[in-house]
Amino acid sequence: MKHRTWIAAAIGTAAVTLAAGLWIDALETGHTDGGLKADPAGAKGASPSGGVTECVGAQPAGSLPGLPGAPKGSSDDTPLYRTLAYIDLAQRRHAAVFTGLSVDQRHQTANVWRIPSAALDADLCGAAEKGVTIRLHETDVNRKTLDALAGRISEDMHRWDGTFQLREVGVESEGFVHVGVDDPAKAEPILKETFGEKYIEVEHVGQIEADVG
């Protein structure tokens, strides 16, 4: 199962204001210099249906507003986090094509999954601060569609009791809904017949045990 952690957990209390749909996924992506480039080899986490486009920020450090509540010069006031805050606002303007976001902090890289869009690409690449790389991955679905699908699947978590246990449902930034169950062999054909073949990945998830104080 891919690592899904709220972005706020990684970048401090000021980052709590970022949208809940933004995730941390510490990808081992590369870093290149220069402007907008196509990466025909793709990158870890890239959609298998398309390549990856990469751009390197050119705006001066501090050109973007800081995270709300982040003191100037604090650990939350960096080119990467300011660029992430901008992406959070931009994805609302481009909701029809935006799919998801993950962050490679080691390489100061924001990985954005989207339905190919010249407008979104130009918006993000034109705003990114120096030192930040944006990698744009192709998908064929937006976040709104995935959220709706995840909502339908999780609407009644006990619907399938007696056949299999539905234990976890979450939207992945790469463009699919992760469904964790106790028995994938039983669950996958039923879930895909009910909700459709596309955008669902079924995996085994162990029993969730409650903490005992």
N, C-alpha and C. Protein backbone atom coordinates (compact mmCIF):
# COMPACT_ATOMS: atom_id res chain seq x y z
N MET A 1 0.84 -1.19 0.00
CA MET A 1 0.00 0.00 0.00
C MET A 1 0.88 1.24 0.00
N LYS A 2 0.56 2.23 -0.77
CA LYS A 2 1.36 3.43 -0.85
C LYS A 2 1.20 4.25 0.41
N HIS A 3 2.24 5.06 0.68
CA HIS A 3 2.27 5.86 1.89
C HIS A 3 1.36 7.07 1.73
N ARG A 4 0.36 7.18 2.59
CA ARG A 4 -0.55 8.31 2.53
C ARG A 4 -0.56 8.99 3.89
N THR A 5 -0.02 10.19 3.96
CA THR A 5 0.03 10.95 5.20
C THR A 5 -0.42 12.36 4.91
N TRP A 6 -1.22 12.95 5.80
CA TRP A 6 -1.64 14.33 5.57
C TRP A 6 -0.43 15.21 5.45
N ILE A 7 -0.47 16.10 4.50
CA ILE A 7 0.67 16.98 4.26
C ILE A 7 0.97 17.82 5.49
N ALA A 8 -0.05 18.17 6.26
CA ALA A 8 0.17 19.01 7.43
C ALA A 8 1.09 18.35 8.44
N ALA A 9 1.09 17.02 8.50
CA ALA A 9 1.92 16.33 9.47
C ALA A 9 3.39 16.49 9.18
N ALA A 10 3.73 16.80 7.94
CA ALA A 10 5.13 16.87 7.57
C ALA A 10 5.69 18.28 7.58
N ILE A 11 4.84 19.29 7.46
CA ILE A 11 5.39 20.62 7.31
C ILE A 11 4.96 21.59 8.40
N GLY A 12 4.53 21.06 9.53
CA GLY A 12 4.33 21.91 10.68
C GLY A 12 2.92 22.43 10.84
N THR A 13 2.69 23.08 11.98
CA THR A 13 1.34 23.49 12.33
C THR A 13 0.77 24.53 11.38
N ALA A 14 1.61 25.39 10.84
CA ALA A 14 1.10 26.41 9.94
C ALA A 14 0.51 25.80 8.69
N ALA A 15 0.98 24.60 8.33
CA ALA A 15 0.53 23.97 7.09
C ALA A 15 -0.82 23.31 7.23
N VAL A 16 -1.40 23.32 8.42
CA VAL A 16 -2.72 22.71 8.60
C VAL A 16 -3.75 23.36 7.70
N THR A 17 -3.50 24.58 7.29
CA THR A 17 -4.44 25.28 6.44
C THR A 17 -4.49 24.72 5.03
N LEU A 18 -3.49 23.91 4.63
CA LEU A 18 -3.53 23.32 3.30
C LEU A 18 -4.68 22.33 3.21
N ALA A 19 -5.19 22.15 2.00
CA ALA A 19 -6.36 21.29 1.80
C ALA A 19 -6.08 19.88 2.23
N ALA A 20 -7.11 19.22 2.77
CA ALA A 20 -6.96 17.85 3.25
C ALA A 20 -6.67 16.86 2.14
N GLY A 21 -6.91 17.26 0.90
CA GLY A 21 -6.65 16.35 -0.22
C GLY A 21 -5.20 16.27 -0.62
N LEU A 22 -4.30 17.06 -0.02
CA LEU A 22 -2.90 17.06 -0.40
C LEU A 22 -2.14 16.07 0.48
N TRP A 23 -1.33 15.21 -0.16
CA TRP A 23 -0.68 14.14 0.57
C TRP A 23 0.84 14.24 0.45
N ILE A 24 1.53 13.65 1.44
CA ILE A 24 2.97 13.46 1.36
C ILE A 24 3.24 12.07 0.78
N ASP A 25 4.09 11.99 -0.19
CA ASP A 25 4.57 10.70 -0.70
C ASP A 25 6.03 10.91 -1.05
N ALA A 26 6.94 10.48 -0.20
CA ALA A 26 8.36 10.77 -0.38
C ALA A 26 8.91 9.99 -1.56
N LEU A 27 8.79 10.57 -2.73
CA LEU A 27 9.19 9.91 -3.96
C LEU A 27 10.68 10.07 -4.19
N GLU A 28 11.27 9.09 -4.83
CA GLU A 28 12.68 9.15 -5.19
C GLU A 28 12.81 9.68 -6.61
N THR A 29 12.34 10.90 -6.84
CA THR A 29 12.39 11.48 -8.17
C THR A 29 13.69 12.23 -8.36
N GLY A 30 14.03 12.43 -9.62
CA GLY A 30 15.27 13.13 -9.93
C GLY A 30 15.07 14.64 -9.97
N HIS A 31 16.17 15.35 -10.23
CA HIS A 31 16.13 16.80 -10.31
C HIS A 31 16.93 17.24 -11.52
N THR A 32 16.35 18.09 -12.35
CA THR A 32 17.09 18.59 -13.50
C THR A 32 17.01 20.10 -13.52
N ASP A 33 17.89 20.72 -14.28
CA ASP A 33 17.90 22.16 -14.40
C ASP A 33 17.12 22.59 -15.63
N GLY A 34 16.85 23.88 -15.71
CA GLY A 34 16.25 24.41 -16.92
C GLY A 34 14.76 24.56 -16.82
N GLY A 35 14.12 24.81 -17.96
CA GLY A 35 12.69 25.09 -18.01
C GLY A 35 11.86 23.85 -18.15
N LEU A 36 10.75 23.99 -18.88
CA LEU A 36 9.79 22.91 -19.04
C LEU A 36 10.38 21.80 -19.88
N LYS A 37 10.37 20.57 -19.35
CA LYS A 37 10.96 19.44 -20.05
C LYS A 37 10.03 18.24 -19.99
N ALA A 38 10.11 17.41 -21.00
CA ALA A 38 9.38 16.14 -20.98
C ALA A 38 10.31 15.06 -20.50
N ASP A 39 9.79 14.17 -19.67
CA ASP A 39 10.57 13.06 -19.14
C ASP A 39 9.97 11.78 -19.72
N PRO A 40 10.46 11.27 -20.84
CA PRO A 40 9.83 10.12 -21.49
C PRO A 40 9.90 8.86 -20.66
N ALA A 41 10.85 8.79 -19.75
CA ALA A 41 10.98 7.59 -18.93
C ALA A 41 9.99 7.57 -17.79
N GLY A 42 9.39 8.72 -17.52
CA GLY A 42 8.44 8.80 -16.43
C GLY A 42 9.16 8.85 -15.09
N ALA A 43 8.39 8.74 -14.01
CA ALA A 43 8.94 8.78 -12.67
C ALA A 43 8.13 7.87 -11.78
N LYS A 44 8.71 7.50 -10.66
CA LYS A 44 7.98 6.66 -9.73
C LYS A 44 6.65 7.31 -9.38
N GLY A 45 5.57 6.57 -9.49
CA GLY A 45 4.26 7.11 -9.19
C GLY A 45 3.56 7.73 -10.37
N ALA A 46 4.24 7.83 -11.50
CA ALA A 46 3.62 8.45 -12.67
C ALA A 46 2.52 7.56 -13.23
N SER A 47 1.53 8.21 -13.83
CA SER A 47 0.47 7.46 -14.47
C SER A 47 1.03 6.63 -15.61
N PRO A 48 0.66 5.35 -15.71
CA PRO A 48 1.18 4.53 -16.81
C PRO A 48 0.65 4.98 -18.16
N SER A 49 -0.37 5.84 -18.17
CA SER A 49 -0.97 6.24 -19.44
C SER A 49 -0.23 7.39 -20.11
N GLY A 50 0.72 8.02 -19.41
CA GLY A 50 1.38 9.17 -20.00
C GLY A 50 2.72 9.46 -19.38
N GLY A 51 3.45 10.42 -19.94
CA GLY A 51 4.77 10.78 -19.46
C GLY A 51 4.70 11.82 -18.37
N VAL A 52 5.85 12.42 -18.12
CA VAL A 52 5.99 13.41 -17.06
C VAL A 52 6.61 14.66 -17.65
N THR A 53 6.07 15.80 -17.31
CA THR A 53 6.64 17.09 -17.70
C THR A 53 7.21 17.75 -16.46
N GLU A 54 8.37 18.34 -16.59
CA GLU A 54 9.04 18.91 -15.43
C GLU A 54 9.39 20.37 -15.68
N CYS A 55 9.21 21.20 -14.66
CA CYS A 55 9.66 22.58 -14.76
C CYS A 55 10.33 22.98 -13.45
N VAL A 56 11.25 23.91 -13.54
CA VAL A 56 11.99 24.39 -12.38
C VAL A 56 11.60 25.84 -12.12
N GLY A 57 11.26 26.14 -10.86
CA GLY A 57 10.81 27.47 -10.51
C GLY A 57 11.83 28.55 -10.85
N ALA A 58 11.34 29.69 -11.31
CA ALA A 58 12.21 30.80 -11.69
C ALA A 58 11.91 32.08 -10.91
N GLN A 59 10.83 32.07 -10.11
CA GLN A 59 10.46 33.28 -9.38
C GLN A 59 11.38 33.48 -8.16
N PRO A 60 11.68 34.73 -7.82
CA PRO A 60 12.56 35.00 -6.67
C PRO A 60 11.98 34.43 -5.37
N ALA A 61 12.86 34.01 -4.48
CA ALA A 61 12.42 33.52 -3.18
C ALA A 61 11.63 34.61 -2.47
N GLY A 62 10.48 34.24 -1.92
CA GLY A 62 9.63 35.20 -1.24
C GLY A 62 8.62 35.88 -2.12
N SER A 63 8.59 35.51 -3.40
CA SER A 63 7.63 36.15 -4.31
C SER A 63 6.21 35.68 -4.07
N LEU A 64 6.05 34.50 -3.47
CA LEU A 64 4.71 33.98 -3.17
C LEU A 64 4.37 34.28 -1.71
N PRO A 65 3.09 34.44 -1.41
CA PRO A 65 2.69 34.65 -0.02
C PRO A 65 3.09 33.44 0.83
N GLY A 66 3.39 33.68 2.08
CA GLY A 66 3.71 32.58 2.97
C GLY A 66 2.47 31.82 3.39
N LEU A 67 2.68 30.68 4.04
CA LEU A 67 1.56 29.94 4.60
C LEU A 67 0.90 30.78 5.68
N PRO A 68 -0.42 30.80 5.73
CA PRO A 68 -1.10 31.55 6.78
C PRO A 68 -0.61 31.12 8.16
N GLY A 69 -0.17 32.07 8.96
CA GLY A 69 0.28 31.77 10.31
C GLY A 69 1.73 31.38 10.42
N ALA A 70 2.44 31.30 9.30
CA ALA A 70 3.86 30.93 9.35
C ALA A 70 4.71 32.18 9.52
N PRO A 71 5.44 32.31 10.63
CA PRO A 71 6.28 33.50 10.82
C PRO A 71 7.36 33.59 9.74
N LYS A 72 7.69 34.79 9.35
CA LYS A 72 8.71 35.01 8.35
C LYS A 72 10.02 34.39 8.83
N GLY A 73 10.64 33.60 7.96
CA GLY A 73 11.91 32.98 8.30
C GLY A 73 11.80 31.69 9.09
N SER A 74 10.58 31.25 9.38
CA SER A 74 10.40 30.01 10.14
C SER A 74 10.61 28.80 9.22
N SER A 75 10.59 27.62 9.81
CA SER A 75 10.79 26.39 9.03
C SER A 75 9.65 26.14 8.06
N ASP A 76 8.51 26.81 8.27
CA ASP A 76 7.37 26.69 7.35
C ASP A 76 7.40 27.74 6.25
N ASP A 77 8.34 28.68 6.36
CA ASP A 77 8.42 29.77 5.39
C ASP A 77 9.60 29.52 4.45
N THR A 78 9.39 28.61 3.49
CA THR A 78 10.43 28.22 2.55
C THR A 78 9.87 28.26 1.13
N PRO A 79 10.73 28.27 0.11
CA PRO A 79 10.21 28.26 -1.26
C PRO A 79 9.29 27.08 -1.54
N LEU A 80 9.62 25.89 -1.02
CA LEU A 80 8.79 24.71 -1.27
C LEU A 80 7.41 24.88 -0.65
N TYR A 81 7.35 25.28 0.61
CA TYR A 81 6.06 25.36 1.27
C TYR A 81 5.22 26.51 0.74
N ARG A 82 5.87 27.61 0.35
CA ARG A 82 5.11 28.70 -0.27
C ARG A 82 4.55 28.24 -1.63
N THR A 83 5.34 27.48 -2.36
CA THR A 83 4.85 26.96 -3.64
C THR A 83 3.70 25.97 -3.43
N LEU A 84 3.80 25.14 -2.39
CA LEU A 84 2.71 24.20 -2.08
C LEU A 84 1.42 24.96 -1.74
N ALA A 85 1.57 26.04 -0.98
CA ALA A 85 0.39 26.83 -0.64
C ALA A 85 -0.24 27.41 -1.90
N TYR A 86 0.60 27.82 -2.85
CA TYR A 86 0.06 28.34 -4.11
C TYR A 86 -0.65 27.24 -4.88
N ILE A 87 -0.06 26.05 -4.92
CA ILE A 87 -0.70 24.92 -5.62
C ILE A 87 -2.06 24.61 -5.00
N ASP A 88 -2.15 24.71 -3.68
CA ASP A 88 -3.42 24.45 -3.01
C ASP A 88 -4.50 25.41 -3.50
N LEU A 89 -4.15 26.67 -3.68
CA LEU A 89 -5.12 27.63 -4.20
C LEU A 89 -5.40 27.39 -5.68
N ALA A 90 -4.34 27.09 -6.43
CA ALA A 90 -4.49 26.89 -7.88
C ALA A 90 -5.34 25.68 -8.21
N GLN A 91 -5.24 24.64 -7.40
CA GLN A 91 -6.01 23.44 -7.73
C GLN A 91 -7.51 23.68 -7.62
N ARG A 92 -7.91 24.67 -6.86
CA ARG A 92 -9.34 25.02 -6.80
C ARG A 92 -9.77 25.70 -8.09
N ARG A 93 -8.89 26.52 -8.64
CA ARG A 93 -9.21 27.19 -9.91
C ARG A 93 -9.23 26.19 -11.06
N HIS A 94 -8.45 25.13 -10.93
CA HIS A 94 -8.32 24.14 -12.00
C HIS A 94 -8.93 22.80 -11.58
N ALA A 95 -10.02 22.85 -10.84
CA ALA A 95 -10.62 21.64 -10.29
C ALA A 95 -11.04 20.64 -11.36
N ALA A 96 -11.35 21.12 -12.54
CA ALA A 96 -11.81 20.23 -13.61
C ALA A 96 -10.70 19.30 -14.09
N VAL A 97 -9.43 19.66 -13.82
CA VAL A 97 -8.32 18.85 -14.33
C VAL A 97 -7.37 18.37 -13.23
N PHE A 98 -7.46 18.94 -12.03
CA PHE A 98 -6.53 18.60 -10.96
C PHE A 98 -6.87 17.24 -10.35
N THR A 99 -5.85 16.41 -10.17
CA THR A 99 -6.06 15.06 -9.60
C THR A 99 -5.45 14.92 -8.21
N GLY A 100 -4.19 15.29 -8.04
CA GLY A 100 -3.58 15.11 -6.73
C GLY A 100 -2.17 15.67 -6.66
N LEU A 101 -1.63 15.67 -5.44
CA LEU A 101 -0.31 16.24 -5.17
C LEU A 101 0.44 15.36 -4.19
N SER A 102 1.73 15.16 -4.44
CA SER A 102 2.60 14.56 -3.44
C SER A 102 3.89 15.35 -3.41
N VAL A 103 4.67 15.18 -2.35
CA VAL A 103 5.83 16.02 -2.13
C VAL A 103 7.08 15.19 -1.89
N ASP A 104 8.14 15.52 -2.59
CA ASP A 104 9.46 14.94 -2.37
C ASP A 104 10.30 16.03 -1.70
N GLN A 105 10.33 16.02 -0.39
CA GLN A 105 11.02 17.08 0.34
C GLN A 105 12.53 17.04 0.11
N ARG A 106 13.08 15.85 -0.04
CA ARG A 106 14.52 15.73 -0.23
C ARG A 106 14.99 16.50 -1.45
N HIS A 107 14.20 16.42 -2.53
CA HIS A 107 14.57 17.07 -3.78
C HIS A 107 13.79 18.36 -4.03
N GLN A 108 13.08 18.84 -3.00
CA GLN A 108 12.33 20.10 -3.12
C GLN A 108 11.43 20.06 -4.36
N THR A 109 10.66 18.97 -4.45
CA THR A 109 9.84 18.73 -5.64
C THR A 109 8.38 18.52 -5.27
N ALA A 110 7.50 19.16 -6.02
CA ALA A 110 6.07 18.92 -5.91
C ALA A 110 5.64 18.11 -7.12
N ASN A 111 5.08 16.95 -6.88
CA ASN A 111 4.54 16.09 -7.94
C ASN A 111 3.05 16.36 -8.06
N VAL A 112 2.63 16.81 -9.23
CA VAL A 112 1.23 17.14 -9.46
C VAL A 112 0.67 16.19 -10.52
N TRP A 113 -0.43 15.54 -10.19
CA TRP A 113 -1.13 14.69 -11.15
C TRP A 113 -2.34 15.47 -11.66
N ARG A 114 -2.49 15.51 -12.98
CA ARG A 114 -3.60 16.26 -13.56
C ARG A 114 -3.93 15.72 -14.94
N ILE A 115 -5.18 15.95 -15.34
CA ILE A 115 -5.54 15.76 -16.74
C ILE A 115 -4.76 16.82 -17.52
N PRO A 116 -4.04 16.45 -18.58
CA PRO A 116 -3.19 17.43 -19.27
C PRO A 116 -3.91 18.74 -19.52
N SER A 117 -3.27 19.83 -19.10
CA SER A 117 -3.87 21.16 -19.19
C SER A 117 -2.77 22.20 -19.33
N ALA A 118 -2.73 22.86 -20.46
CA ALA A 118 -1.73 23.90 -20.66
C ALA A 118 -1.92 25.05 -19.67
N ALA A 119 -3.18 25.34 -19.32
CA ALA A 119 -3.45 26.45 -18.41
C ALA A 119 -2.93 26.15 -17.01
N LEU A 120 -3.20 24.95 -16.49
CA LEU A 120 -2.71 24.59 -15.16
C LEU A 120 -1.19 24.54 -15.15
N ASP A 121 -0.60 23.92 -16.17
CA ASP A 121 0.87 23.81 -16.23
C ASP A 121 1.51 25.19 -16.22
N ALA A 122 1.00 26.10 -17.03
CA ALA A 122 1.57 27.43 -17.09
C ALA A 122 1.40 28.18 -15.77
N ASP A 123 0.26 27.97 -15.13
CA ASP A 123 -0.03 28.62 -13.85
C ASP A 123 0.99 28.18 -12.80
N LEU A 124 1.15 26.88 -12.62
CA LEU A 124 2.03 26.37 -11.57
C LEU A 124 3.50 26.64 -11.89
N CYS A 125 3.90 26.38 -13.12
CA CYS A 125 5.31 26.57 -13.48
C CYS A 125 5.69 28.04 -13.47
N GLY A 126 4.75 28.91 -13.80
CA GLY A 126 5.04 30.33 -13.80
C GLY A 126 5.14 30.92 -12.41
N ALA A 127 4.53 30.27 -11.42
CA ALA A 127 4.52 30.81 -10.06
C ALA A 127 5.59 30.23 -9.16
N ALA A 128 6.09 29.03 -9.47
CA ALA A 128 7.02 28.33 -8.58
C ALA A 128 8.28 29.14 -8.29
N GLU A 129 8.71 29.12 -7.03
CA GLU A 129 9.90 29.86 -6.64
C GLU A 129 11.18 29.08 -7.00
N LYS A 130 12.29 29.82 -7.09
CA LYS A 130 13.57 29.21 -7.39
C LYS A 130 13.90 28.13 -6.36
N GLY A 131 14.47 27.04 -6.86
CA GLY A 131 14.82 25.93 -5.99
C GLY A 131 13.76 24.86 -5.88
N VAL A 132 12.58 25.13 -6.46
CA VAL A 132 11.47 24.18 -6.40
C VAL A 132 11.24 23.60 -7.80
N THR A 133 11.13 22.29 -7.86
CA THR A 133 10.81 21.60 -9.11
C THR A 133 9.37 21.12 -9.07
N ILE A 134 8.67 21.29 -10.16
CA ILE A 134 7.31 20.76 -10.29
C ILE A 134 7.30 19.70 -11.38
N ARG A 135 6.84 18.51 -11.03
CA ARG A 135 6.72 17.41 -11.99
C ARG A 135 5.24 17.16 -12.23
N LEU A 136 4.85 17.24 -13.48
CA LEU A 136 3.44 17.17 -13.88
C LEU A 136 3.17 15.83 -14.53
N HIS A 137 2.36 15.00 -13.88
CA HIS A 137 2.06 13.65 -14.31
C HIS A 137 0.67 13.60 -14.93
N GLU A 138 0.52 12.81 -15.99
CA GLU A 138 -0.76 12.71 -16.68
C GLU A 138 -1.71 11.71 -16.03
N THR A 139 -2.98 12.09 -15.94
CA THR A 139 -4.05 11.18 -15.56
C THR A 139 -5.23 11.42 -16.51
N ASP A 140 -6.31 10.70 -16.30
CA ASP A 140 -7.52 10.93 -17.09
C ASP A 140 -8.74 11.12 -16.19
N VAL A 141 -8.49 11.57 -14.93
CA VAL A 141 -9.59 11.72 -13.98
C VAL A 141 -9.24 12.86 -13.02
N ASN A 142 -10.26 13.60 -12.58
CA ASN A 142 -9.98 14.67 -11.62
C ASN A 142 -10.31 14.24 -10.19
N ARG A 143 -9.88 15.06 -9.24
CA ARG A 143 -10.04 14.71 -7.83
C ARG A 143 -11.51 14.63 -7.42
N LYS A 144 -12.33 15.52 -7.97
CA LYS A 144 -13.75 15.51 -7.62
C LYS A 144 -14.39 14.17 -7.95
N THR A 145 -14.04 13.60 -9.10
CA THR A 145 -14.58 12.30 -9.49
C THR A 145 -14.11 11.21 -8.54
N LEU A 146 -12.82 11.26 -8.17
CA LEU A 146 -12.28 10.25 -7.26
C LEU A 146 -12.89 10.36 -5.87
N ASP A 147 -13.07 11.60 -5.39
CA ASP A 147 -13.69 11.78 -4.08
C ASP A 147 -15.11 11.22 -4.06
N ALA A 148 -15.83 11.44 -5.16
CA ALA A 148 -17.20 10.93 -5.23
C ALA A 148 -17.22 9.41 -5.24
N LEU A 149 -16.28 8.81 -5.96
CA LEU A 149 -16.20 7.35 -6.01
C LEU A 149 -15.85 6.80 -4.64
N ALA A 150 -14.88 7.41 -3.96
CA ALA A 150 -14.50 6.95 -2.62
C ALA A 150 -15.67 7.08 -1.66
N GLY A 151 -16.44 8.14 -1.80
CA GLY A 151 -17.61 8.32 -0.95
C GLY A 151 -18.65 7.24 -1.16
N ARG A 152 -18.87 6.87 -2.41
CA ARG A 152 -19.84 5.81 -2.71
C ARG A 152 -19.38 4.48 -2.13
N ILE A 153 -18.09 4.19 -2.26
CA ILE A 153 -17.58 2.90 -1.76
C ILE A 153 -17.66 2.83 -0.25
N SER A 154 -17.36 3.92 0.43
CA SER A 154 -17.30 3.91 1.89
C SER A 154 -18.62 4.26 2.56
N GLU A 155 -19.64 4.52 1.77
CA GLU A 155 -20.93 4.97 2.33
C GLU A 155 -21.47 4.00 3.37
N ASP A 156 -21.33 2.73 3.12
CA ASP A 156 -21.78 1.71 4.08
C ASP A 156 -20.66 0.70 4.24
N MET A 157 -19.79 0.92 5.23
CA MET A 157 -18.62 0.08 5.41
C MET A 157 -18.98 -1.37 5.74
N HIS A 158 -20.19 -1.58 6.24
CA HIS A 158 -20.57 -2.94 6.65
C HIS A 158 -21.45 -3.64 5.61
N ARG A 159 -21.57 -3.05 4.45
CA ARG A 159 -22.45 -3.60 3.41
C ARG A 159 -22.07 -5.03 3.03
N TRP A 160 -20.77 -5.32 3.06
CA TRP A 160 -20.31 -6.61 2.54
C TRP A 160 -19.97 -7.61 3.64
N ASP A 161 -20.29 -7.25 4.89
CA ASP A 161 -19.99 -8.17 6.00
C ASP A 161 -20.61 -9.54 5.73
N GLY A 162 -19.82 -10.57 5.99
CA GLY A 162 -20.24 -11.94 5.70
C GLY A 162 -19.60 -12.46 4.43
N THR A 163 -19.18 -11.52 3.55
CA THR A 163 -18.46 -11.90 2.33
C THR A 163 -17.00 -11.46 2.43
N PHE A 164 -16.80 -10.21 2.77
CA PHE A 164 -15.46 -9.69 3.06
C PHE A 164 -15.62 -8.44 3.93
N GLN A 165 -14.52 -8.00 4.52
CA GLN A 165 -14.56 -6.80 5.35
C GLN A 165 -13.90 -5.64 4.60
N LEU A 166 -14.62 -4.54 4.50
CA LEU A 166 -14.08 -3.30 3.92
C LEU A 166 -13.45 -2.52 5.06
N ARG A 167 -12.13 -2.34 5.00
CA ARG A 167 -11.41 -1.77 6.13
C ARG A 167 -10.84 -0.39 5.89
N GLU A 168 -10.67 0.00 4.64
CA GLU A 168 -10.00 1.28 4.38
C GLU A 168 -10.33 1.76 2.98
N VAL A 169 -10.66 3.03 2.85
CA VAL A 169 -10.91 3.63 1.54
C VAL A 169 -10.22 4.99 1.52
N GLY A 170 -9.45 5.26 0.48
CA GLY A 170 -8.77 6.54 0.38
C GLY A 170 -8.41 6.89 -1.05
N VAL A 171 -8.39 8.17 -1.35
CA VAL A 171 -8.02 8.63 -2.68
C VAL A 171 -6.51 8.80 -2.76
N GLU A 172 -5.90 8.22 -3.78
CA GLU A 172 -4.47 8.34 -4.01
C GLU A 172 -4.20 9.47 -5.00
N SER A 173 -3.13 10.20 -4.76
CA SER A 173 -2.82 11.36 -5.60
C SER A 173 -2.58 10.98 -7.05
N GLU A 174 -2.14 9.72 -7.29
CA GLU A 174 -1.82 9.29 -8.66
C GLU A 174 -3.05 9.12 -9.55
N GLY A 175 -4.25 9.10 -8.94
CA GLY A 175 -5.45 9.03 -9.76
C GLY A 175 -6.26 7.77 -9.62
N PHE A 176 -6.37 7.24 -8.40
CA PHE A 176 -7.22 6.08 -8.17
C PHE A 176 -7.67 6.05 -6.71
N VAL A 177 -8.63 5.19 -6.43
CA VAL A 177 -9.12 5.01 -5.07
C VAL A 177 -8.55 3.70 -4.53
N HIS A 178 -7.84 3.79 -3.42
CA HIS A 178 -7.32 2.61 -2.73
C HIS A 178 -8.41 2.04 -1.83
N VAL A 179 -8.66 0.74 -1.95
CA VAL A 179 -9.64 0.06 -1.10
C VAL A 179 -8.94 -1.07 -0.37
N GLY A 180 -8.89 -0.98 0.95
CA GLY A 180 -8.27 -2.01 1.76
C GLY A 180 -9.30 -2.98 2.30
N VAL A 181 -9.07 -4.26 2.11
CA VAL A 181 -10.03 -5.29 2.54
C VAL A 181 -9.27 -6.45 3.17
N ASP A 182 -10.03 -7.35 3.79
CA ASP A 182 -9.39 -8.52 4.39
C ASP A 182 -9.12 -9.62 3.38
N ASP A 183 -9.91 -9.66 2.30
CA ASP A 183 -9.80 -10.74 1.30
C ASP A 183 -9.94 -10.16 -0.11
N PRO A 184 -8.83 -9.71 -0.70
CA PRO A 184 -8.91 -9.08 -2.04
C PRO A 184 -9.50 -10.00 -3.11
N ALA A 185 -9.22 -11.30 -3.03
CA ALA A 185 -9.72 -12.21 -4.06
C ALA A 185 -11.24 -12.22 -4.11
N LYS A 186 -11.88 -12.14 -2.96
CA LYS A 186 -13.34 -12.08 -2.92
C LYS A 186 -13.85 -10.67 -3.21
N ALA A 187 -13.15 -9.68 -2.68
CA ALA A 187 -13.66 -8.32 -2.72
C ALA A 187 -13.53 -7.66 -4.09
N GLU A 188 -12.41 -7.87 -4.78
CA GLU A 188 -12.16 -7.11 -6.01
C GLU A 188 -13.23 -7.30 -7.07
N PRO A 189 -13.62 -8.53 -7.43
CA PRO A 189 -14.64 -8.66 -8.46
C PRO A 189 -15.98 -8.06 -8.06
N ILE A 190 -16.32 -8.15 -6.78
CA ILE A 190 -17.59 -7.60 -6.31
C ILE A 190 -17.57 -6.07 -6.37
N LEU A 191 -16.48 -5.48 -5.88
CA LEU A 191 -16.38 -4.02 -5.86
C LEU A 191 -16.35 -3.44 -7.27
N LYS A 192 -15.61 -4.10 -8.17
CA LYS A 192 -15.51 -3.56 -9.52
C LYS A 192 -16.78 -3.77 -10.33
N GLU A 193 -17.51 -4.84 -10.02
CA GLU A 193 -18.81 -5.04 -10.68
C GLU A 193 -19.81 -3.98 -10.20
N THR A 194 -19.69 -3.61 -8.91
CA THR A 194 -20.62 -2.65 -8.32
C THR A 194 -20.30 -1.21 -8.70
N PHE A 195 -18.99 -0.87 -8.66
CA PHE A 195 -18.60 0.53 -8.82
C PHE A 195 -17.83 0.82 -10.11
N GLY A 196 -17.57 -0.20 -10.91
CA GLY A 196 -16.85 0.02 -12.16
C GLY A 196 -15.41 -0.43 -12.09
N GLU A 197 -14.84 -0.75 -13.22
CA GLU A 197 -13.47 -1.27 -13.30
C GLU A 197 -12.41 -0.20 -13.07
N LYS A 198 -12.72 1.03 -13.49
CA LYS A 198 -11.68 2.07 -13.49
C LYS A 198 -11.50 2.71 -12.12
N TYR A 199 -10.27 3.10 -11.85
CA TYR A 199 -9.91 3.95 -10.72
C TYR A 199 -10.04 3.27 -9.36
N ILE A 200 -10.10 1.95 -9.32
CA ILE A 200 -10.17 1.23 -8.05
C ILE A 200 -9.01 0.25 -7.96
N GLU A 201 -8.25 0.31 -6.89
CA GLU A 201 -7.21 -0.68 -6.61
C GLU A 201 -7.50 -1.31 -5.25
N VAL A 202 -7.65 -2.62 -5.25
CA VAL A 202 -8.02 -3.35 -4.04
C VAL A 202 -6.78 -4.05 -3.50
N GLU A 203 -6.51 -3.85 -2.22
CA GLU A 203 -5.34 -4.45 -1.57
C GLU A 203 -5.72 -5.00 -0.20
N HIS A 204 -4.89 -5.92 0.26
CA HIS A 204 -5.12 -6.48 1.60
C HIS A 204 -4.69 -5.49 2.67
N VAL A 205 -5.54 -5.34 3.68
CA VAL A 205 -5.23 -4.54 4.85
C VAL A 205 -5.58 -5.37 6.07
N GLY A 206 -4.64 -5.45 7.01
CA GLY A 206 -4.87 -6.26 8.20
C GLY A 206 -5.90 -5.66 9.14
N GLN A 207 -6.29 -6.43 10.11
CA GLN A 207 -7.28 -6.01 11.09
C GLN A 207 -6.78 -4.77 11.82
N ILE A 208 -7.62 -3.75 11.91
CA ILE A 208 -7.27 -2.54 12.64
C ILE A 208 -7.62 -2.75 14.09
N GLU A 209 -6.61 -2.64 14.96
CA GLU A 209 -6.82 -2.89 16.38
C GLU A 209 -6.88 -1.57 17.12
N ALA A 210 -7.88 -1.45 17.99
CA ALA A 210 -8.01 -0.23 18.79
C ALA A 210 -6.96 -0.19 19.87
N ASP A 211 -6.43 1.00 20.14
CA ASP A 211 -5.44 1.15 21.22
C ASP A 211 -6.12 0.96 22.56
N VAL A 212 -5.45 0.26 23.43
CA VAL A 212 -5.97 0.05 24.78
C VAL A 212 -5.13 0.88 25.74
N GLY A 213 -5.78 1.80 26.44
CA GLY A 213 -5.05 2.69 27.33
C GLY A 213 -4.57 1.98 28.59
